Amino acid sequence: MADKNLIPICSWCKKIRSDTDCWENIEIYLTKAGFGVFTHGMCPECAEKIFEKRIYLESYQHICKAISSSLSLSEVLNLIVTNVVKVMNVKASMLRLLNKETNKLEVAAYYGLSEKYVNKGPVESDASIEDALKGRPVSVYDIKEDRNARYRKEALQEGIRSILSIPLRVKNEVIGVLRMYTSEPVKYTEEDLKFVTAIAEQAAIAINNARVFETRISKEKEYLRVFEEVTKAVSSTLNLNEVLNLIVRKLPEVMNVKAATIRLLDETGERLKLVAAHGLSERYLSRGPVDMEKNIKDALQLKPVAIYDVTTDPRIHYRKEAKEEGIKSMLTLPIVARGKLLGVLRLLTGVPRHFEDEEIDFAASLAEVCGIAIDNARMYEELSRRNSK
């Protein structure tokens, strides 16, 4: 016989099983049992949780809107630290970004801190920073009680008691650390940590977007500067040899490559003749004809050809010689002027290099400028010969 004092209740939805094996809402069951009619309200604890969630949501929307309002990297960084202080109601914040070359965290922006504290020294040895770089938010409840903190004295002089370190992560890569400082000890709840982690994720995305945008803009500005520089240089003379030598000297400089060669089609239009080179030994230049190479044939079909490793790529005939010369990568471009193929331009690197599409397009436009300069010099020399007769 079942014990009447035992009431079966679902541990998940809190429904109660009645004597007729029906599962009833707890309010209905208790009303039927004579406990009175229930009214619904909200206890202070639940009300506080709901209120906090609404505040979190509003704060999250506010800070996301603020940090996404600019594509200037410096503005984005400053927007992050100032808005974190306002939204989280903390004393100060600091943002450090990871320098991939030095593998060190560098101060990128801060708000509410003195320069003296900001420049106190490196933080890599700080345990909370190490944990944050591993992708975990880390809270120091009271630095006054943390005798192992490296900059404990400096923090107390600054009026800092609690420090929260949050990783800035783009996909699976940690790009930096966001720190929040309070003037009183603060114990952050699990909800707090989830909230600041969500903010840090949005901050990391905003930083990454600004970086990509500024890189693209700066690259386009550099391309324009280089284009003007090359155009000005190769247009400065109508002497064919001077034009050719200017091209092979100037392009390695502006394209950051080891060497350059120009081969022009002969009178028959079938064979290529080396007419200018820079940055290569005579031994390598005299290795033999290159007309049979696949990358040359493709370039003569007006297609740029990028080769990452010339020492292993079958499209290169003289792989051994290239290795001995210290050549790693190669970009072969057709030289065209007024719709006519004149020859090929080669750019060679001393370090492995993946030529990106926009870089190839840019190099192709430079080759076209060079082609026009070569064609103009040829026409001028032809006119000079005619006039001298």
Protein backbone atom coordinates (compact mmCIF):
# COMPACT_ATOMS: atom_id res chain seq x y z
CA MET A 1 0.00 0.00 0.00
CA ALA A 2 1.42 3.42 -0.99
CA ASP A 3 2.43 5.84 1.78
CA LYS A 4 -0.14 8.71 1.84
CA ASN A 5 2.57 11.12 3.02
CA LEU A 6 4.55 10.65 -0.19
CA ILE A 7 3.54 13.00 -3.01
CA PRO A 8 5.09 12.12 -6.42
CA ILE A 9 6.27 15.34 -8.11
CA CYS A 10 8.15 15.80 -11.38
CA SER A 11 11.60 17.17 -10.57
CA TRP A 12 11.65 19.00 -13.90
CA CYS A 13 8.25 20.66 -14.49
CA LYS A 14 6.96 20.34 -10.87
CA LYS A 15 3.65 18.66 -11.87
CA ILE A 16 2.16 16.29 -9.30
CA ARG A 17 0.77 12.83 -10.03
CA SER A 18 -2.77 12.48 -8.65
CA ASP A 19 -4.45 9.35 -7.35
CA THR A 20 -5.90 8.80 -10.85
CA ASP A 21 -2.36 8.73 -12.33
CA CYS A 22 -2.86 12.12 -14.00
CA TRP A 23 -0.09 14.71 -13.88
CA GLU A 24 -1.49 18.04 -12.72
CA ASN A 25 -0.07 21.50 -12.34
CA ILE A 26 1.00 22.02 -8.71
CA GLU A 27 -1.41 24.96 -8.26
CA ILE A 28 -4.39 22.88 -9.48
CA TYR A 29 -3.42 19.92 -7.31
CA LEU A 30 -3.06 22.02 -4.15
CA THR A 31 -6.32 23.88 -4.85
CA LYS A 32 -8.19 20.58 -5.19
CA ALA A 33 -6.53 19.42 -1.96
CA GLY A 34 -8.06 22.39 -0.15
CA PHE A 35 -5.08 24.70 0.15
CA GLY A 36 -7.05 27.62 -1.26
CA VAL A 37 -6.98 29.54 -4.57
CA PHE A 38 -3.56 30.66 -5.79
CA THR A 39 -2.70 34.10 -7.14
CA HIS A 40 0.48 34.76 -9.03
CA GLY A 41 3.19 37.28 -8.29
CA MET A 42 6.98 37.38 -8.24
CA CYS A 43 9.28 36.98 -5.27
CA PRO A 44 12.00 39.63 -4.75
CA GLU A 45 14.78 37.19 -5.70
CA CYS A 46 13.21 36.28 -9.05
CA ALA A 47 12.25 39.90 -9.70
CA GLU A 48 15.87 40.90 -9.17
CA LYS A 49 17.07 38.22 -11.59
CA ILE A 50 14.60 39.32 -14.28
CA PHE A 51 15.55 42.96 -13.73
CA GLU A 52 19.25 42.11 -13.99
CA LYS A 53 18.67 40.24 -17.27
CA ARG A 54 16.82 43.25 -18.69
CA ILE A 55 19.62 45.58 -17.57
CA TYR A 56 22.20 43.20 -19.08
CA LEU A 57 20.32 43.14 -22.38
CA GLU A 58 19.94 46.92 -22.54
CA SER A 59 23.60 47.42 -21.57
CA TYR A 60 24.74 44.85 -24.13
CA GLN A 61 22.75 46.55 -26.89
CA HIS A 62 24.12 49.95 -25.86
CA ILE A 63 27.76 48.93 -25.85
CA CYS A 64 27.46 46.93 -29.11
CA LYS A 65 25.94 49.95 -30.82
CA ALA A 66 28.66 52.24 -29.46
CA ILE A 67 31.69 50.14 -30.39
CA SER A 68 30.28 49.35 -33.84
CA SER A 69 29.80 53.03 -34.72
CA SER A 70 33.30 53.48 -36.14
CA LEU A 71 35.80 51.67 -38.37
CA SER A 72 38.75 53.68 -37.14
CA LEU A 73 40.85 51.33 -35.01
CA SER A 74 41.91 54.01 -32.49
CA GLU A 75 38.29 55.19 -32.13
CA VAL A 76 37.01 51.64 -31.66
CA LEU A 77 39.60 50.95 -28.95
CA ASN A 78 38.71 54.14 -27.06
CA LEU A 79 34.97 53.49 -27.44
CA ILE A 80 35.42 50.06 -25.89
CA VAL A 81 37.26 51.20 -22.74
CA THR A 82 35.04 54.25 -22.13
CA ASN A 83 31.77 52.39 -22.65
CA VAL A 84 32.84 49.42 -20.51
CA VAL A 85 33.39 51.82 -17.60
CA LYS A 86 29.97 53.42 -18.11
CA VAL A 87 28.00 50.22 -18.68
CA MET A 88 29.68 48.13 -15.97
CA ASN A 89 29.88 51.03 -13.51
CA VAL A 90 33.53 50.33 -12.70
CA LYS A 91 36.41 52.64 -11.84
CA ALA A 92 38.51 52.06 -14.99
CA SER A 93 39.31 49.74 -17.87
CA MET A 94 42.31 48.91 -20.00
CA LEU A 95 42.70 47.06 -23.26
CA ARG A 96 45.92 45.29 -24.21
CA LEU A 97 46.43 43.69 -27.62
CA LEU A 98 48.77 40.83 -28.39
CA ASN A 99 51.71 41.70 -30.62
CA LYS A 100 52.19 38.56 -32.73
CA GLU A 101 55.79 39.41 -33.58
CA THR A 102 56.98 39.91 -29.99
CA ASN A 103 54.25 37.77 -28.35
CA LYS A 104 53.77 40.56 -25.79
CA LEU A 105 50.66 42.34 -24.62
CA GLU A 106 50.80 46.03 -25.49
CA VAL A 107 48.58 48.79 -24.08
CA ALA A 108 46.10 49.78 -26.79
CA ALA A 109 43.63 51.98 -24.86
CA TYR A 110 42.63 52.83 -21.30
CA TYR A 111 40.14 54.95 -19.39
CA GLY A 112 40.09 56.07 -15.74
CA LEU A 113 43.72 55.19 -15.03
CA SER A 114 46.78 57.38 -14.48
CA GLU A 115 49.70 57.21 -16.93
CA LYS A 116 51.91 56.22 -14.03
CA TYR A 117 49.85 53.08 -13.40
CA VAL A 118 49.42 52.28 -17.09
CA ASN A 119 53.20 52.45 -17.63
CA LYS A 120 54.07 50.49 -14.47
CA GLY A 121 55.61 47.64 -16.49
CA PRO A 122 54.85 44.42 -18.41
CA VAL A 123 52.02 42.16 -17.26
CA GLU A 124 52.90 38.86 -18.96
CA SER A 125 53.99 37.28 -15.66
CA ASP A 126 50.65 38.10 -14.02
CA ALA A 127 48.80 34.81 -13.40
CA SER A 128 45.41 36.35 -14.24
CA ILE A 129 46.77 37.51 -17.59
CA GLU A 130 48.15 34.04 -18.32
CA ASP A 131 44.73 32.49 -17.59
CA ALA A 132 42.96 35.15 -19.69
CA LEU A 133 45.27 34.43 -22.62
CA LYS A 134 44.18 30.81 -22.35
CA GLY A 135 40.62 32.00 -22.95
CA ARG A 136 39.22 32.21 -19.42
CA PRO A 137 37.86 35.29 -17.60
CA VAL A 138 39.77 35.74 -14.33
CA SER A 139 38.75 37.81 -11.30
CA VAL A 140 40.97 39.07 -8.48
CA TYR A 141 38.50 39.74 -5.65
CA ASP A 142 40.76 41.94 -3.49
CA ILE A 143 44.29 42.74 -4.59
CA LYS A 144 44.99 44.04 -1.08
CA GLU A 145 44.78 40.44 0.15
CA ASP A 146 46.70 39.01 -2.80
CA ARG A 147 50.30 39.03 -1.57
CA ASN A 148 51.54 37.39 -4.79
CA ALA A 149 50.25 40.14 -7.10
CA ARG A 150 53.22 41.67 -8.91
CA TYR A 151 51.88 45.25 -8.98
CA ARG A 152 49.94 45.09 -5.71
CA LYS A 153 51.54 48.27 -4.31
CA GLU A 154 50.92 50.23 -7.53
CA ALA A 155 47.29 49.04 -7.68
CA LEU A 156 46.58 50.13 -4.10
CA GLN A 157 48.18 53.53 -4.77
CA GLU A 158 45.87 53.83 -7.79
CA GLY A 159 42.83 53.04 -5.63
CA ILE A 160 42.22 49.65 -7.22
CA ARG A 161 40.85 46.70 -5.24
CA SER A 162 39.29 44.25 -7.74
CA ILE A 163 40.55 43.37 -11.23
CA LEU A 164 38.66 41.37 -13.84
CA SER A 165 40.59 40.12 -16.89
CA ILE A 166 38.59 38.98 -19.92
CA PRO A 167 40.10 37.46 -23.07
CA LEU A 168 39.40 39.17 -26.40
CA ARG A 169 38.84 36.36 -28.83
CA VAL A 170 38.17 36.23 -32.58
CA LYS A 171 36.99 32.72 -33.44
CA ASN A 172 39.49 30.54 -31.54
CA GLU A 173 42.30 33.08 -31.41
CA VAL A 174 42.92 35.31 -28.38
CA ILE A 175 43.97 38.73 -29.67
CA GLY A 176 44.23 40.53 -26.35
CA VAL A 177 42.86 41.11 -22.87
CA LEU A 178 40.26 43.56 -21.55
CA ARG A 179 40.64 44.52 -17.88
CA MET A 180 38.12 46.16 -15.57
CA TYR A 181 39.10 47.77 -12.27
CA THR A 182 36.95 48.66 -9.24
CA SER A 183 37.70 50.78 -6.18
CA GLU A 184 35.98 48.29 -3.86
CA PRO A 185 36.24 44.49 -3.73
CA VAL A 186 33.69 42.92 -6.08
CA LYS A 187 32.71 39.28 -6.31
CA TYR A 188 31.50 38.69 -9.86
CA THR A 189 28.67 36.21 -10.35
CA GLU A 190 28.47 33.63 -13.11
CA GLU A 191 25.94 35.89 -14.86
CA ASP A 192 28.36 38.83 -14.63
CA LEU A 193 31.14 36.78 -16.20
CA LYS A 194 28.87 35.60 -19.02
CA PHE A 195 27.85 39.19 -19.67
CA VAL A 196 31.38 40.66 -19.76
CA THR A 197 32.53 37.72 -21.90
CA ALA A 198 29.78 38.54 -24.42
CA ILE A 199 30.88 42.19 -24.40
CA ALA A 200 34.51 41.13 -24.91
CA GLU A 201 33.50 38.98 -27.88
CA GLN A 202 31.75 41.93 -29.53
CA ALA A 203 34.74 44.15 -28.74
CA ALA A 204 37.10 41.65 -30.37
CA ILE A 205 34.91 41.53 -33.49
CA ALA A 206 34.85 45.35 -33.68
CA ILE A 207 38.65 45.49 -33.29
CA ASN A 208 39.15 42.85 -35.98
CA ASN A 209 36.79 44.64 -38.40
CA ALA A 210 38.58 47.96 -37.82
CA ARG A 211 41.96 46.30 -38.36
CA VAL A 212 40.83 44.72 -41.64
CA PHE A 213 39.36 48.02 -42.83
CA GLU A 214 42.47 50.06 -41.96
CA THR A 215 44.77 47.45 -43.51
CA ARG A 216 42.76 47.56 -46.72
CA ILE A 217 42.71 51.35 -46.82
CA SER A 218 46.42 51.66 -46.06
CA LYS A 219 47.22 49.02 -48.68
CA GLU A 220 45.16 50.87 -51.29
CA LYS A 221 46.92 54.13 -50.42
CA GLU A 222 50.29 52.40 -50.73
CA TYR A 223 49.29 50.89 -54.09
CA LEU A 224 48.31 54.35 -55.35
CA ARG A 225 51.60 55.85 -54.14
CA VAL A 226 53.64 53.07 -55.77
CA PHE A 227 51.65 53.30 -59.01
CA GLU A 228 52.30 57.04 -59.24
CA GLU A 229 55.97 56.53 -58.40
CA VAL A 230 56.52 53.86 -61.06
CA THR A 231 54.54 55.81 -63.68
CA LYS A 232 56.59 58.92 -63.01
CA ALA A 233 59.88 57.00 -63.13
CA VAL A 234 59.30 55.07 -66.37
CA SER A 235 57.85 58.16 -68.07
CA SER A 236 60.91 60.26 -67.28
CA THR A 237 62.83 59.17 -70.37
CA LEU A 238 62.25 58.00 -73.92
CA ASN A 239 65.54 56.13 -74.15
CA LEU A 240 64.56 52.45 -74.41
CA ASN A 241 67.51 51.06 -72.42
CA GLU A 242 66.96 53.61 -69.69
CA VAL A 243 63.26 52.71 -69.51
CA LEU A 244 64.01 48.98 -69.27
CA ASN A 245 66.66 49.44 -66.56
CA LEU A 246 64.42 51.82 -64.62
CA ILE A 247 61.65 49.21 -64.58
CA VAL A 248 63.80 46.31 -63.31
CA ARG A 249 65.41 48.53 -60.65
CA LYS A 250 62.22 50.26 -59.49
CA LEU A 251 59.81 47.31 -59.28
CA PRO A 252 61.86 45.21 -56.80
CA GLU A 253 62.06 48.30 -54.59
CA VAL A 254 58.34 49.10 -54.57
CA MET A 255 57.08 45.48 -54.65
CA ASN A 256 59.55 44.31 -51.98
CA VAL A 257 61.04 41.51 -54.10
CA LYS A 258 64.59 40.27 -54.66
CA ALA A 259 64.91 40.79 -58.40
CA ALA A 260 63.19 41.50 -61.71
CA THR A 261 63.76 40.60 -65.36
CA ILE A 262 62.24 41.73 -68.64
CA ARG A 263 62.17 39.56 -71.71
CA LEU A 264 60.78 40.97 -74.96
CA LEU A 265 59.63 39.09 -78.03
CA ASP A 266 62.02 39.26 -80.98
CA GLU A 267 61.13 40.42 -84.50
CA THR A 268 59.55 37.04 -85.28
CA GLY A 269 57.29 37.28 -82.24
CA GLU A 270 58.19 33.69 -81.31
CA ARG A 271 61.29 33.91 -79.09
CA LEU A 272 61.95 35.86 -75.92
CA LYS A 273 65.11 37.88 -75.47
CA LEU A 274 66.44 39.02 -72.09
CA VAL A 275 66.72 42.81 -72.31
CA ALA A 276 66.99 43.93 -68.67
CA ALA A 277 67.61 42.38 -65.24
CA HIS A 278 68.33 43.49 -61.69
CA GLY A 279 69.29 41.58 -58.54
CA LEU A 280 70.47 38.39 -60.25
CA SER A 281 73.89 36.89 -60.98
CA GLU A 282 75.28 36.55 -64.51
CA ARG A 283 75.50 32.81 -63.92
CA TYR A 284 71.77 32.56 -63.31
CA LEU A 285 70.88 34.90 -66.17
CA SER A 286 72.93 32.82 -68.64
CA ARG A 287 71.36 29.48 -67.61
CA GLY A 288 69.54 29.13 -70.95
CA PRO A 289 66.28 29.98 -72.77
CA VAL A 290 63.00 30.01 -70.83
CA ASP A 291 60.55 29.94 -73.73
CA MET A 292 59.64 26.30 -73.05
CA GLU A 293 58.61 26.89 -69.43
CA LYS A 294 54.92 26.40 -68.71
CA ASN A 295 54.61 29.61 -66.68
CA ILE A 296 56.15 31.59 -69.57
CA LYS A 297 53.73 30.03 -72.06
CA ASP A 298 50.82 30.93 -69.78
CA ALA A 299 52.07 34.51 -69.42
CA LEU A 300 52.31 34.77 -73.21
CA GLN A 301 48.61 33.88 -73.24
CA LEU A 302 48.09 37.08 -71.19
CA LYS A 303 47.71 35.24 -67.87
CA PRO A 304 49.74 36.25 -64.79
CA VAL A 305 51.36 33.21 -63.14
CA ALA A 306 52.31 33.09 -59.45
CA ILE A 307 54.58 30.29 -58.22
CA TYR A 308 55.11 29.80 -54.49
CA ASP A 309 58.11 27.42 -54.58
CA VAL A 310 60.22 27.61 -57.74
CA THR A 311 62.51 24.80 -56.51
CA THR A 312 59.74 22.18 -56.68
CA ASP A 313 57.16 23.52 -59.13
CA PRO A 314 57.17 21.57 -62.44
CA ARG A 315 56.31 24.75 -64.37
CA ILE A 316 59.91 25.88 -63.75
CA HIS A 317 62.59 24.28 -65.93
CA TYR A 318 65.66 25.57 -64.07
CA ARG A 319 64.70 24.56 -60.52
CA LYS A 320 68.23 23.66 -59.42
CA GLU A 321 69.62 26.96 -60.67
CA ALA A 322 66.83 28.88 -58.93
CA LYS A 323 67.64 27.16 -55.63
CA GLU A 324 71.35 27.99 -55.98
CA GLU A 325 70.43 31.62 -56.72
CA GLY A 326 68.32 31.82 -53.55
CA ILE A 327 65.04 32.36 -55.38
CA LYS A 328 61.92 31.18 -53.56
CA SER A 329 58.82 32.52 -55.30
CA MET A 330 58.08 34.04 -58.69
CA LEU A 331 55.43 36.13 -60.41
CA THR A 332 55.43 36.14 -64.22
CA LEU A 333 53.36 38.83 -65.95
CA PRO A 334 52.62 39.60 -69.59
CA ILE A 335 53.80 43.00 -70.84
CA VAL A 336 51.09 44.46 -73.05
CA ALA A 337 50.79 47.85 -74.74
CA ARG A 338 47.77 49.02 -76.76
CA GLY A 339 46.50 45.44 -77.03
CA LYS A 340 49.82 44.09 -78.32
CA LEU A 341 51.92 41.53 -76.39
CA LEU A 342 55.50 42.76 -76.01
CA GLY A 343 57.02 40.18 -73.68
CA VAL A 344 57.08 39.11 -70.02
CA LEU A 345 58.07 40.68 -66.73
CA ARG A 346 59.28 38.48 -63.88
CA LEU A 347 59.38 39.40 -60.20
CA LEU A 348 61.45 37.05 -58.01
CA THR A 349 61.57 36.81 -54.21
CA GLY A 350 64.25 35.66 -51.78
CA VAL A 351 61.66 34.44 -49.25
CA PRO A 352 58.56 32.26 -49.82
CA ARG A 353 55.60 34.45 -50.75
CA HIS A 354 51.96 33.80 -51.54
CA PHE A 355 50.98 36.46 -54.05
CA GLU A 356 47.39 37.46 -53.25
CA ASP A 357 44.89 38.22 -56.02
CA GLU A 358 44.88 41.97 -55.39
CA GLU A 359 48.69 41.98 -55.37
CA ILE A 360 48.77 40.12 -58.69
CA ASP A 361 46.22 42.56 -60.17
CA PHE A 362 48.31 45.48 -58.97
CA ALA A 363 51.52 44.01 -60.41
CA ALA A 364 49.69 43.39 -63.70
CA SER A 365 48.65 47.06 -63.84
CA LEU A 366 52.28 48.07 -63.23
CA ALA A 367 53.37 45.74 -66.04
CA GLU A 368 50.87 47.48 -68.32
CA VAL A 369 52.31 50.89 -67.40
CA CYS A 370 55.76 49.53 -68.14
CA GLY A 371 54.52 48.14 -71.46
CA ILE A 372 53.25 51.57 -72.52
CA ALA A 373 56.58 53.16 -71.52
CA ILE A 374 58.51 50.53 -73.52
CA ASP A 375 56.25 50.99 -76.55
CA ASN A 376 56.62 54.79 -76.40
CA ALA A 377 60.42 54.48 -76.18
CA ARG A 378 60.44 52.10 -79.14
CA MET A 379 58.32 54.44 -81.25
CA TYR A 380 60.54 57.39 -80.30
CA GLU A 381 63.69 55.47 -81.29
CA GLU A 382 62.08 54.42 -84.56
CA LEU A 383 61.13 58.03 -85.34
CA SER A 384 64.64 59.19 -84.45
CA ARG A 385 66.16 56.65 -86.85
CA ARG A 386 63.83 57.71 -89.65
CA ASN A 387 64.61 61.39 -89.11
CA SER A 388 68.35 60.74 -89.12
CA LYS A 389 68.25 59.18 -92.58
